[in-house]
PDB file of N, CA and C in Angstrom:
ATOM      1  N   MET A   1     -12.081   3.319  -0.092  1.00  0.00           N
ATOM      2  CA  MET A   1     -10.866   3.589  -0.820  1.00  0.00           C
ATOM      3  C   MET A   1      -9.661   3.502   0.120  1.00  0.00           C
ATOM      4  N   HIS A   2      -9.867   3.887   1.357  1.00  0.00           N
ATOM      5  CA  HIS A   2      -8.778   3.886   2.329  1.00  0.00           C
ATOM      6  C   HIS A   2      -8.178   2.483   2.507  1.00  0.00           C
ATOM      7  N   GLU A   3      -9.052   1.453   2.623  1.00  0.00           N
ATOM      8  CA  GLU A   3      -8.560   0.091   2.822  1.00  0.00           C
ATOM      9  C   GLU A   3      -7.648  -0.341   1.677  1.00  0.00           C
ATOM     10  N   GLY A   4      -8.065  -0.038   0.452  1.00  0.00           N
ATOM     11  CA  GLY A   4      -7.272  -0.403  -0.719  1.00  0.00           C
ATOM     12  C   GLY A   4      -5.931   0.305  -0.740  1.00  0.00           C
ATOM     13  N   LYS A   5      -5.942   1.586  -0.395  1.00  0.00           N
ATOM     14  CA  LYS A   5      -4.698   2.355  -0.402  1.00  0.00           C
ATOM     15  C   LYS A   5      -3.728   1.831   0.646  1.00  0.00           C
ATOM     16  N   VAL A   6      -4.242   1.531   1.831  1.00  0.00           N
ATOM     17  CA  VAL A   6      -3.390   0.991   2.898  1.00  0.00           C
ATOM     18  C   VAL A   6      -2.791  -0.351   2.462  1.00  0.00           C
ATOM     19  N   ALA A   7      -3.588  -1.200   1.823  1.00  0.00           N
ATOM     20  CA  ALA A   7      -3.095  -2.497   1.347  1.00  0.00           C
ATOM     21  C   ALA A   7      -2.002  -2.301   0.295  1.00  0.00           C
ATOM     22  N   GLY A   8      -2.225  -1.396  -0.632  1.00  0.00           N
ATOM     23  CA  GLY A   8      -1.228  -1.124  -1.672  1.00  0.00           C
ATOM     24  C   GLY A   8       0.061  -0.567  -1.110  1.00  0.00           C
ATOM     25  N   GLU A   9      -0.051   0.358  -0.174  1.00  0.00           N
ATOM     26  CA  GLU A   9       1.136   0.939   0.445  1.00  0.00           C
ATOM     27  C   GLU A   9       1.914  -0.110   1.243  1.00  0.00           C
ATOM     28  N   TRP A  10       1.177  -0.974   1.959  1.00  0.00           N
ATOM     29  CA  TRP A  10       1.837  -2.038   2.709  1.00  0.00           C
ATOM     30  C   TRP A  10       2.608  -2.958   1.762  1.00  0.00           C
ATOM     31  N   LEU A  11       1.956  -3.359   0.651  1.00  0.00           N
ATOM     32  CA  LEU A  11       2.618  -4.250  -0.297  1.00  0.00           C
ATOM     33  C   LEU A  11       3.877  -3.601  -0.864  1.00  0.00           C
ATOM     34  N   ALA A  12       3.765  -2.333  -1.253  1.00  0.00           N
ATOM     35  CA  ALA A  12       4.919  -1.622  -1.814  1.00  0.00           C
ATOM     36  C   ALA A  12       6.080  -1.595  -0.814  1.00  0.00           C
ATOM     37  N   LYS A  13       5.771  -1.363   0.439  1.00  0.00           N
ATOM     38  CA  LYS A  13       6.816  -1.337   1.471  1.00  0.00           C
ATOM     39  C   LYS A  13       7.396  -2.735   1.689  1.00  0.00           C
ATOM     40  N   ASP A  14       6.530  -3.745   1.692  1.00  0.00           N
ATOM     41  CA  ASP A  14       6.965  -5.105   1.964  1.00  0.00           C
ATOM     42  C   ASP A  14       7.850  -5.678   0.864  1.00  0.00           C
ATOM     43  N   VAL A  15       7.510  -5.429  -0.407  1.00  0.00           N
ATOM     44  CA  VAL A  15       8.300  -6.015  -1.500  1.00  0.00           C
ATOM     45  C   VAL A  15       9.494  -5.155  -1.895  1.00  0.00           C
ATOM     46  N   GLY A  16       9.481  -3.904  -1.492  1.00  0.00           N
ATOM     47  CA  GLY A  16      10.601  -3.024  -1.834  1.00  0.00           C
ATOM     48  C   GLY A  16      10.740  -2.889  -3.337  1.00  0.00           C
ATOM     49  N   ASP A  17      11.940  -3.163  -3.841  1.00  0.00           N
ATOM     50  CA  ASP A  17      12.211  -3.038  -5.278  1.00  0.00           C
ATOM     51  C   ASP A  17      12.033  -4.350  -6.046  1.00  0.00           C
ATOM     52  N   LYS A  18      11.668  -5.429  -5.355  1.00  0.00           N
ATOM     53  CA  LYS A  18      11.495  -6.726  -6.021  1.00  0.00           C
ATOM     54  C   LYS A  18      10.274  -6.695  -6.929  1.00  0.00           C
ATOM     55  N   ALA A  19      10.354  -7.427  -8.028  1.00  0.00           N
ATOM     56  CA  ALA A  19       9.210  -7.558  -8.926  1.00  0.00           C
ATOM     57  C   ALA A  19       8.088  -8.313  -8.209  1.00  0.00           C
ATOM     58  N   CYS A  20       6.863  -7.855  -8.392  1.00  0.00           N
ATOM     59  CA  CYS A  20       5.730  -8.492  -7.730  1.00  0.00           C
ATOM     60  C   CYS A  20       4.515  -8.465  -8.649  1.00  0.00           C
ATOM     61  N   ASN A  21       4.070  -9.656  -9.055  1.00  0.00           N
ATOM     62  CA  ASN A  21       2.854  -9.792  -9.846  1.00  0.00           C
ATOM     63  C   ASN A  21       1.681 -10.045  -8.914  1.00  0.00           C
ATOM     64  N   VAL A  22       0.659  -9.225  -9.042  1.00  0.00           N
ATOM     65  CA  VAL A  22      -0.507  -9.276  -8.166  1.00  0.00           C
ATOM     66  C   VAL A  22      -1.718  -9.758  -8.951  1.00  0.00           C
ATOM     67  N   VAL A  23      -2.514 -10.631  -8.327  1.00  0.00           N
ATOM     68  CA  VAL A  23      -3.826 -10.967  -8.861  1.00  0.00           C
ATOM     69  C   VAL A  23      -4.857 -10.333  -7.938  1.00  0.00           C
ATOM     70  N   GLU A  24      -5.918  -9.825  -8.529  1.00  0.00           N
ATOM     71  CA  GLU A  24      -6.921  -9.073  -7.770  1.00  0.00           C
ATOM     72  C   GLU A  24      -8.273  -9.749  -7.866  1.00  0.00           C
ATOM     73  N   LEU A  25      -8.846 -10.055  -6.696  1.00  0.00           N
ATOM     74  CA  LEU A  25     -10.202 -10.573  -6.605  1.00  0.00           C
ATOM     75  C   LEU A  25     -11.111  -9.392  -6.269  1.00  0.00           C
ATOM     76  N   GLN A  26     -11.792  -8.895  -7.280  1.00  0.00           N
ATOM     77  CA  GLN A  26     -12.653  -7.732  -7.093  1.00  0.00           C
ATOM     78  C   GLN A  26     -13.972  -8.139  -6.444  1.00  0.00           C
ATOM     79  N   GLY A  27     -14.647  -7.132  -5.901  1.00  0.00           N
ATOM     80  CA  GLY A  27     -15.990  -7.339  -5.382  1.00  0.00           C
ATOM     81  C   GLY A  27     -16.985  -7.364  -6.529  1.00  0.00           C
ATOM     82  N   THR A  28     -18.233  -7.138  -6.219  1.00  0.00           N
ATOM     83  CA  THR A  28     -19.287  -7.156  -7.217  1.00  0.00           C
ATOM     84  C   THR A  28     -19.088  -6.018  -8.216  1.00  0.00           C
ATOM     85  N   VAL A  29     -19.165  -6.360  -9.494  1.00  0.00           N
ATOM     86  CA  VAL A  29     -18.970  -5.370 -10.559  1.00  0.00           C
ATOM     87  C   VAL A  29     -19.958  -4.215 -10.378  1.00  0.00           C
ATOM     88  N   GLY A  30     -19.425  -3.007 -10.405  1.00  0.00           N
ATOM     89  CA  GLY A  30     -20.248  -1.809 -10.300  1.00  0.00           C
ATOM     90  C   GLY A  30     -20.540  -1.339  -8.889  1.00  0.00           C
ATOM     91  N   ALA A  31     -20.242  -2.168  -7.885  1.00  0.00           N
ATOM     92  CA  ALA A  31     -20.480  -1.770  -6.492  1.00  0.00           C
ATOM     93  C   ALA A  31     -19.484  -0.681  -6.108  1.00  0.00           C
ATOM     94  N   SER A  32     -19.968   0.349  -5.428  1.00  0.00           N
ATOM     95  CA  SER A  32     -19.098   1.468  -5.070  1.00  0.00           C
ATOM     96  C   SER A  32     -17.927   1.014  -4.202  1.00  0.00           C
ATOM     97  N   VAL A  33     -18.149   0.062  -3.327  1.00  0.00           N
ATOM     98  CA  VAL A  33     -17.071  -0.432  -2.466  1.00  0.00           C
ATOM     99  C   VAL A  33     -15.975  -1.067  -3.323  1.00  0.00           C
ATOM    100  N   ALA A  34     -16.367  -1.875  -4.301  1.00  0.00           N
ATOM    101  CA  ALA A  34     -15.381  -2.522  -5.174  1.00  0.00           C
ATOM    102  C   ALA A  34     -14.614  -1.483  -5.994  1.00  0.00           C
ATOM    103  N   ILE A  35     -15.320  -0.521  -6.516  1.00  0.00           N
ATOM    104  CA  ILE A  35     -14.682   0.542  -7.310  1.00  0.00           C
ATOM    105  C   ILE A  35     -13.677   1.298  -6.459  1.00  0.00           C
ATOM    106  N   ASN A  36     -14.076   1.657  -5.254  1.00  0.00           N
ATOM    107  CA  ASN A  36     -13.201   2.426  -4.368  1.00  0.00           C
ATOM    108  C   ASN A  36     -11.993   1.625  -3.892  1.00  0.00           C
ATOM    109  N   ARG A  37     -12.189   0.352  -3.595  1.00  0.00           N
ATOM    110  CA  ARG A  37     -11.047  -0.458  -3.140  1.00  0.00           C
ATOM    111  C   ARG A  37     -10.053  -0.677  -4.277  1.00  0.00           C
ATOM    112  N   LYS A  38     -10.551  -0.848  -5.493  1.00  0.00           N
ATOM    113  CA  LYS A  38      -9.666  -1.000  -6.649  1.00  0.00           C
ATOM    114  C   LYS A  38      -8.852   0.275  -6.855  1.00  0.00           C
ATOM    115  N   LYS A  39      -9.531   1.422  -6.806  1.00  0.00           N
ATOM    116  CA  LYS A  39      -8.845   2.695  -6.995  1.00  0.00           C
ATOM    117  C   LYS A  39      -7.842   2.953  -5.874  1.00  0.00           C
ATOM    118  N   GLY A  40      -8.231   2.666  -4.648  1.00  0.00           N
ATOM    119  CA  GLY A  40      -7.328   2.866  -3.513  1.00  0.00           C
ATOM    120  C   GLY A  40      -6.064   2.033  -3.635  1.00  0.00           C
ATOM    121  N   PHE A  41      -6.211   0.771  -4.044  1.00  0.00           N
ATOM    122  CA  PHE A  41      -5.040  -0.093  -4.208  1.00  0.00           C
ATOM    123  C   PHE A  41      -4.137   0.443  -5.310  1.00  0.00           C
ATOM    124  N   ALA A  42      -4.749   0.854  -6.425  1.00  0.00           N
ATOM    125  CA  ALA A  42      -3.965   1.426  -7.531  1.00  0.00           C
ATOM    126  C   ALA A  42      -3.205   2.660  -7.057  1.00  0.00           C
ATOM    127  N   ASP A  43      -3.855   3.489  -6.246  1.00  0.00           N
ATOM    128  CA  ASP A  43      -3.177   4.668  -5.693  1.00  0.00           C
ATOM    129  C   ASP A  43      -2.020   4.254  -4.780  1.00  0.00           C
ATOM    130  N   GLY A  44      -2.244   3.197  -3.988  1.00  0.00           N
ATOM    131  CA  GLY A  44      -1.229   2.737  -3.042  1.00  0.00           C
ATOM    132  C   GLY A  44       0.025   2.192  -3.707  1.00  0.00           C
ATOM    133  N   ILE A  45      -0.137   1.600  -4.903  1.00  0.00           N
ATOM    134  CA  ILE A  45       1.039   1.046  -5.586  1.00  0.00           C
ATOM    135  C   ILE A  45       1.558   1.972  -6.686  1.00  0.00           C
ATOM    136  N   SER A  46       0.892   3.109  -6.897  1.00  0.00           N
ATOM    137  CA  SER A  46       1.359   4.023  -7.948  1.00  0.00           C
ATOM    138  C   SER A  46       2.778   4.476  -7.634  1.00  0.00           C
ATOM    139  N   GLY A  47       3.552   4.592  -8.672  1.00  0.00           N
ATOM    140  CA  GLY A  47       4.949   4.973  -8.501  1.00  0.00           C
ATOM    141  C   GLY A  47       5.858   3.789  -8.238  1.00  0.00           C
ATOM    142  N   HIS A  48       5.289   2.603  -8.172  1.00  0.00           N
ATOM    143  CA  HIS A  48       6.073   1.377  -7.946  1.00  0.00           C
ATOM    144  C   HIS A  48       5.903   0.487  -9.174  1.00  0.00           C
ATOM    145  N   SER A  49       6.696   0.754 -10.191  1.00  0.00           N
ATOM    146  CA  SER A  49       6.559   0.040 -11.463  1.00  0.00           C
ATOM    147  C   SER A  49       6.908  -1.439 -11.347  1.00  0.00           C
ATOM    148  N   ASN A  50       7.515  -1.844 -10.243  1.00  0.00           N
ATOM    149  CA  ASN A  50       7.840  -3.252 -10.027  1.00  0.00           C
ATOM    150  C   ASN A  50       6.618  -4.075  -9.606  1.00  0.00           C
ATOM    151  N   ILE A  51       5.533  -3.393  -9.232  1.00  0.00           N
ATOM    152  CA  ILE A  51       4.309  -4.079  -8.815  1.00  0.00           C
ATOM    153  C   ILE A  51       3.293  -3.948  -9.941  1.00  0.00           C
ATOM    154  N   LYS A  52       2.839  -5.115 -10.433  1.00  0.00           N
ATOM    155  CA  LYS A  52       1.905  -5.116 -11.553  1.00  0.00           C
ATOM    156  C   LYS A  52       0.711  -6.005 -11.239  1.00  0.00           C
ATOM    157  N   ILE A  53      -0.481  -5.493 -11.506  1.00  0.00           N
ATOM    158  CA  ILE A  53      -1.689  -6.321 -11.411  1.00  0.00           C
ATOM    159  C   ILE A  53      -1.787  -7.067 -12.740  1.00  0.00           C
ATOM    160  N   ILE A  54      -1.578  -8.385 -12.684  1.00  0.00           N
ATOM    161  CA  ILE A  54      -1.539  -9.171 -13.914  1.00  0.00           C
ATOM    162  C   ILE A  54      -2.886  -9.815 -14.245  1.00  0.00           C
ATOM    163  N   ARG A  55      -3.748  -9.957 -13.251  1.00  0.00           N
ATOM    164  CA  ARG A  55      -5.087 -10.495 -13.479  1.00  0.00           C
ATOM    165  C   ARG A  55      -6.031  -9.859 -12.477  1.00  0.00           C
ATOM    166  N   SER A  56      -7.231  -9.562 -12.946  1.00  0.00           N
ATOM    167  CA  SER A  56      -8.231  -8.943 -12.093  1.00  0.00           C
ATOM    168  C   SER A  56      -9.605  -9.411 -12.552  1.00  0.00           C
ATOM    169  N   GLN A  57     -10.380  -9.941 -11.610  1.00  0.00           N
ATOM    170  CA  GLN A  57     -11.700 -10.443 -11.965  1.00  0.00           C
ATOM    171  C   GLN A  57     -12.599 -10.383 -10.741  1.00  0.00           C
ATOM    172  N   SER A  58     -13.888 -10.270 -10.973  1.00  0.00           N
ATOM    173  CA  SER A  58     -14.855 -10.207  -9.882  1.00  0.00           C
ATOM    174  C   SER A  58     -15.019 -11.560  -9.215  1.00  0.00           C
ATOM    175  N   GLY A  59     -15.006 -11.529  -7.905  1.00  0.00           N
ATOM    176  CA  GLY A  59     -15.334 -12.701  -7.090  1.00  0.00           C
ATOM    177  C   GLY A  59     -16.663 -12.493  -6.393  1.00  0.00           C
ATOM    178  N   ASP A  60     -17.353 -11.402  -6.744  1.00  0.00           N
ATOM    179  CA  ASP A  60     -18.691 -11.067  -6.228  1.00  0.00           C
ATOM    180  C   ASP A  60     -18.779 -10.997  -4.706  1.00  0.00           C
ATOM    181  N   PHE A  61     -17.669 -10.742  -4.039  1.00  0.00           N
ATOM    182  CA  PHE A  61     -17.640 -10.648  -2.577  1.00  0.00           C
ATOM    183  C   PHE A  61     -18.060 -11.956  -1.906  1.00  0.00           C
ATOM    184  N   THR A  62     -17.963 -13.098  -2.611  1.00  0.00           N
ATOM    185  CA  THR A  62     -18.354 -14.373  -1.999  1.00  0.00           C
ATOM    186  C   THR A  62     -17.183 -15.338  -1.964  1.00  0.00           C
ATOM    187  N   ARG A  63     -17.201 -16.196  -0.984  1.00  0.00           N
ATOM    188  CA  ARG A  63     -16.145 -17.186  -0.820  1.00  0.00           C
ATOM    189  C   ARG A  63     -16.113 -18.152  -2.007  1.00  0.00           C
ATOM    190  N   SER A  64     -17.281 -18.647  -2.420  1.00  0.00           N
ATOM    191  CA  SER A  64     -17.313 -19.649  -3.491  1.00  0.00           C
ATOM    192  C   SER A  64     -16.855 -19.080  -4.826  1.00  0.00           C
ATOM    193  N   LYS A  65     -17.303 -17.891  -5.184  1.00  0.00           N
ATOM    194  CA  LYS A  65     -16.887 -17.281  -6.447  1.00  0.00           C
ATOM    195  C   LYS A  65     -15.414 -16.874  -6.373  1.00  0.00           C
ATOM    196  N   GLY A  66     -14.985 -16.364  -5.225  1.00  0.00           N
ATOM    197  CA  GLY A  66     -13.582 -16.010  -5.041  1.00  0.00           C
ATOM    198  C   GLY A  66     -12.677 -17.215  -5.219  1.00  0.00           C
ATOM    199  N   LYS A  67     -13.095 -18.347  -4.689  1.00  0.00           N
ATOM    200  CA  LYS A  67     -12.314 -19.574  -4.825  1.00  0.00           C
ATOM    201  C   LYS A  67     -12.231 -19.996  -6.284  1.00  0.00           C
ATOM    202  N   GLU A  68     -13.347 -19.935  -6.975  1.00  0.00           N
ATOM    203  CA  GLU A  68     -13.387 -20.308  -8.395  1.00  0.00           C
ATOM    204  C   GLU A  68     -12.445 -19.432  -9.228  1.00  0.00           C
ATOM    205  N   VAL A  69     -12.502 -18.131  -8.997  1.00  0.00           N
ATOM    206  CA  VAL A  69     -11.652 -17.200  -9.741  1.00  0.00           C
ATOM    207  C   VAL A  69     -10.181 -17.424  -9.383  1.00  0.00           C
ATOM    208  N   MET A  70      -9.892 -17.618  -8.102  1.00  0.00           N
ATOM    209  CA  MET A  70      -8.506 -17.822  -7.679  1.00  0.00           C
ATOM    210  C   MET A  70      -7.938 -19.097  -8.289  1.00  0.00           C
ATOM    211  N   GLU A  71      -8.737 -20.139  -8.370  1.00  0.00           N
ATOM    212  CA  GLU A  71      -8.275 -21.381  -9.010  1.00  0.00           C
ATOM    213  C   GLU A  71      -7.893 -21.132 -10.465  1.00  0.00           C
ATOM    214  N   SER A  72      -8.680 -20.319 -11.155  1.00  0.00           N
ATOM    215  CA  SER A  72      -8.352 -20.020 -12.557  1.00  0.00           C
ATOM    216  C   SER A  72      -7.082 -19.180 -12.649  1.00  0.00           C
ATOM    217  N   PHE A  73      -6.885 -18.254 -11.709  1.00  0.00           N
ATOM    218  CA  PHE A  73      -5.653 -17.461 -11.686  1.00  0.00           C
ATOM    219  C   PHE A  73      -4.434 -18.366 -11.497  1.00  0.00           C
ATOM    220  N   ILE A  74      -4.534 -19.286 -10.564  1.00  0.00           N
ATOM    221  CA  ILE A  74      -3.414 -20.182 -10.267  1.00  0.00           C
ATOM    222  C   ILE A  74      -3.066 -21.018 -11.494  1.00  0.00           C
ATOM    223  N   LYS A  75      -4.078 -21.580 -12.123  1.00  0.00           N
ATOM    224  CA  LYS A  75      -3.838 -22.396 -13.321  1.00  0.00           C
ATOM    225  C   LYS A  75      -3.205 -21.571 -14.434  1.00  0.00           C
ATOM    226  N   ALA A  76      -3.661 -20.346 -14.601  1.00  0.00           N
ATOM    227  CA  ALA A  76      -3.170 -19.487 -15.681  1.00  0.00           C
ATOM    228  C   ALA A  76      -1.757 -18.962 -15.419  1.00  0.00           C
ATOM    229  N   GLU A  77      -1.343 -18.952 -14.182  1.00  0.00           N
ATOM    230  CA  GLU A  77      -0.049 -18.365 -13.822  1.00  0.00           C
ATOM    231  C   GLU A  77       0.931 -19.422 -13.315  1.00  0.00           C
ATOM    232  N   GLN A  78       1.198 -20.394 -14.156  1.00  0.00           N
ATOM    233  CA  GLN A  78       2.201 -21.428 -13.882  1.00  0.00           C
ATOM    234  C   GLN A  78       1.995 -22.088 -12.521  1.00  0.00           C
ATOM    235  N   ASN A  79       0.761 -22.510 -12.280  1.00  0.00           N
ATOM    236  CA  ASN A  79       0.410 -23.155 -11.019  1.00  0.00           C
ATOM    237  C   ASN A  79       0.652 -22.237  -9.819  1.00  0.00           C
ATOM    238  N   GLY A  80       0.504 -20.942 -10.040  1.00  0.00           N
ATOM    239  CA  GLY A  80       0.667 -19.951  -8.981  1.00  0.00           C
ATOM    240  C   GLY A  80       2.080 -19.421  -8.820  1.00  0.00           C
ATOM    241  N   LYS A  81       3.038 -19.994  -9.518  1.00  0.00           N
ATOM    242  CA  LYS A  81       4.443 -19.588  -9.363  1.00  0.00           C
ATOM    243  C   LYS A  81       4.698 -18.165  -9.833  1.00  0.00           C
ATOM    244  N   ASN A  82       3.842 -17.646 -10.683  1.00  0.00           N
ATOM    245  CA  ASN A  82       4.019 -16.304 -11.231  1.00  0.00           C
ATOM    246  C   ASN A  82       3.290 -15.245 -10.390  1.00  0.00           C
ATOM    247  N   ILE A  83       2.732 -15.659  -9.250  1.00  0.00           N
ATOM    248  CA  ILE A  83       1.950 -14.746  -8.396  1.00  0.00           C
ATOM    249  C   ILE A  83       2.738 -14.419  -7.135  1.00  0.00           C
ATOM    250  N   CYS A  84       2.927 -13.128  -6.903  1.00  0.00           N
ATOM    251  CA  CYS A  84       3.617 -12.652  -5.703  1.00  0.00           C
ATOM    252  C   CYS A  84       2.618 -12.346  -4.588  1.00  0.00           C
ATOM    253  N   ALA A  85       1.451 -11.802  -4.955  1.00  0.00           N
ATOM    254  CA  ALA A  85       0.473 -11.389  -3.949  1.00  0.00           C
ATOM    255  C   ALA A  85      -0.946 -11.474  -4.503  1.00  0.00           C
ATOM    256  N   VAL A  86      -1.884 -11.666  -3.590  1.00  0.00           N
ATOM    257  CA  VAL A  86      -3.306 -11.654  -3.921  1.00  0.00           C
ATOM    258  C   VAL A  86      -3.918 -10.459  -3.202  1.00  0.00           C
ATOM    259  N   TYR A  87      -4.619  -9.619  -3.954  1.00  0.00           N
ATOM    260  CA  TYR A  87      -5.359  -8.519  -3.340  1.00  0.00           C
ATOM    261  C   TYR A  87      -6.836  -8.821  -3.515  1.00  0.00           C
ATOM    262  N   ALA A  88      -7.526  -9.071  -2.407  1.00  0.00           N
ATOM    263  CA  ALA A  88      -8.962  -9.357  -2.431  1.00  0.00           C
ATOM    264  C   ALA A  88      -9.710  -8.199  -1.792  1.00  0.00           C
ATOM    265  N   HIS A  89     -10.856  -7.878  -2.354  1.00  0.00           N
ATOM    266  CA  HIS A  89     -11.623  -6.734  -1.880  1.00  0.00           C
ATOM    267  C   HIS A  89     -12.364  -6.991  -0.570  1.00  0.00           C
ATOM    268  N   ASN A  90     -12.385  -8.237  -0.073  1.00  0.00           N
ATOM    269  CA  ASN A  90     -12.967  -8.500   1.246  1.00  0.00           C
ATOM    270  C   ASN A  90     -12.394  -9.781   1.833  1.00  0.00           C
ATOM    271  N   ASP A  91     -12.697 -10.047   3.099  1.00  0.00           N
ATOM    272  CA  ASP A  91     -12.119 -11.192   3.805  1.00  0.00           C
ATOM    273  C   ASP A  91     -12.605 -12.535   3.272  1.00  0.00           C
ATOM    274  N   ASP A  92     -13.867 -12.643   2.861  1.00  0.00           N
ATOM    275  CA  ASP A  92     -14.375 -13.927   2.382  1.00  0.00           C
ATOM    276  C   ASP A  92     -13.590 -14.441   1.182  1.00  0.00           C
ATOM    277  N   MET A  93     -13.113 -13.542   0.347  1.00  0.00           N
ATOM    278  CA  MET A  93     -12.370 -13.954  -0.843  1.00  0.00           C
ATOM    279  C   MET A  93     -10.873 -14.058  -0.578  1.00  0.00           C
ATOM    280  N   ASN A  94     -10.421 -13.604   0.566  1.00  0.00           N
ATOM    281  CA  ASN A  94      -8.995 -13.597   0.902  1.00  0.00           C
ATOM    282  C   ASN A  94      -8.715 -14.738   1.872  1.00  0.00           C
ATOM    283  N   ASN A  95      -8.773 -15.964   1.361  1.00  0.00           N
ATOM    284  CA  ASN A  95      -8.662 -17.128   2.216  1.00  0.00           C
ATOM    285  C   ASN A  95      -7.467 -17.972   1.796  1.00  0.00           C
ATOM    286  N   PRO A  96      -6.530 -18.215   2.706  1.00  0.00           N
ATOM    287  CA  PRO A  96      -5.342 -18.993   2.351  1.00  0.00           C
ATOM    288  C   PRO A  96      -5.673 -20.404   1.866  1.00  0.00           C
ATOM    289  N   GLU A  97      -6.846 -20.914   2.210  1.00  0.00           N
ATOM    290  CA  GLU A  97      -7.231 -22.255   1.758  1.00  0.00           C
ATOM    291  C   GLU A  97      -7.278 -22.347   0.244  1.00  0.00           C
ATOM    292  N   PHE A  98      -7.520 -21.229  -0.421  1.00  0.00           N
ATOM    293  CA  PHE A  98      -7.607 -21.244  -1.877  1.00  0.00           C
ATOM    294  C   PHE A  98      -6.313 -21.745  -2.501  1.00  0.00           C
ATOM    295  N   ILE A  99      -5.217 -21.392  -1.918  1.00  0.00           N
ATOM    296  CA  ILE A  99      -3.920 -21.753  -2.480  1.00  0.00           C
ATOM    297  C   ILE A  99      -3.500 -23.147  -2.009  1.00  0.00           C
ATOM    298  N   ARG A 100      -3.894 -23.534  -0.824  1.00  0.00           N
ATOM    299  CA  ARG A 100      -3.480 -24.826  -0.272  1.00  0.00           C
ATOM    300  C   ARG A 100      -4.259 -25.995  -0.836  1.00  0.00           C
ATOM    301  N   GLU A 101      -5.494 -25.784  -1.256  1.00  0.00           N
ATOM    302  CA  GLU A 101      -6.344 -26.895  -1.700  1.00  0.00           C
ATOM    303  C   GLU A 101      -5.880 -27.483  -3.001  1.00  0.00           C
TER     304      GLU A 101
END
């Protein structure tokens, strides 16, 4: 939960009062780590109504599934133009190549 909260607090500080739409790549559904990181991030951005999680889906903690989900997020959000930040529950799913490819 700590990792998620730190990420949320960092994002809130970084964007300030600017509107920020976040997409979330969750870990494996039902896994305690995924549940805790989701809750921690929500706690970290609580009180910041300018930050909204607009899409959230499991990437199963894998690079390939994370890439697949991120591609669908980008397509659904005006080719990524509507996305301010990506919150991924682990490093394998948090890869800048997803956006560049």
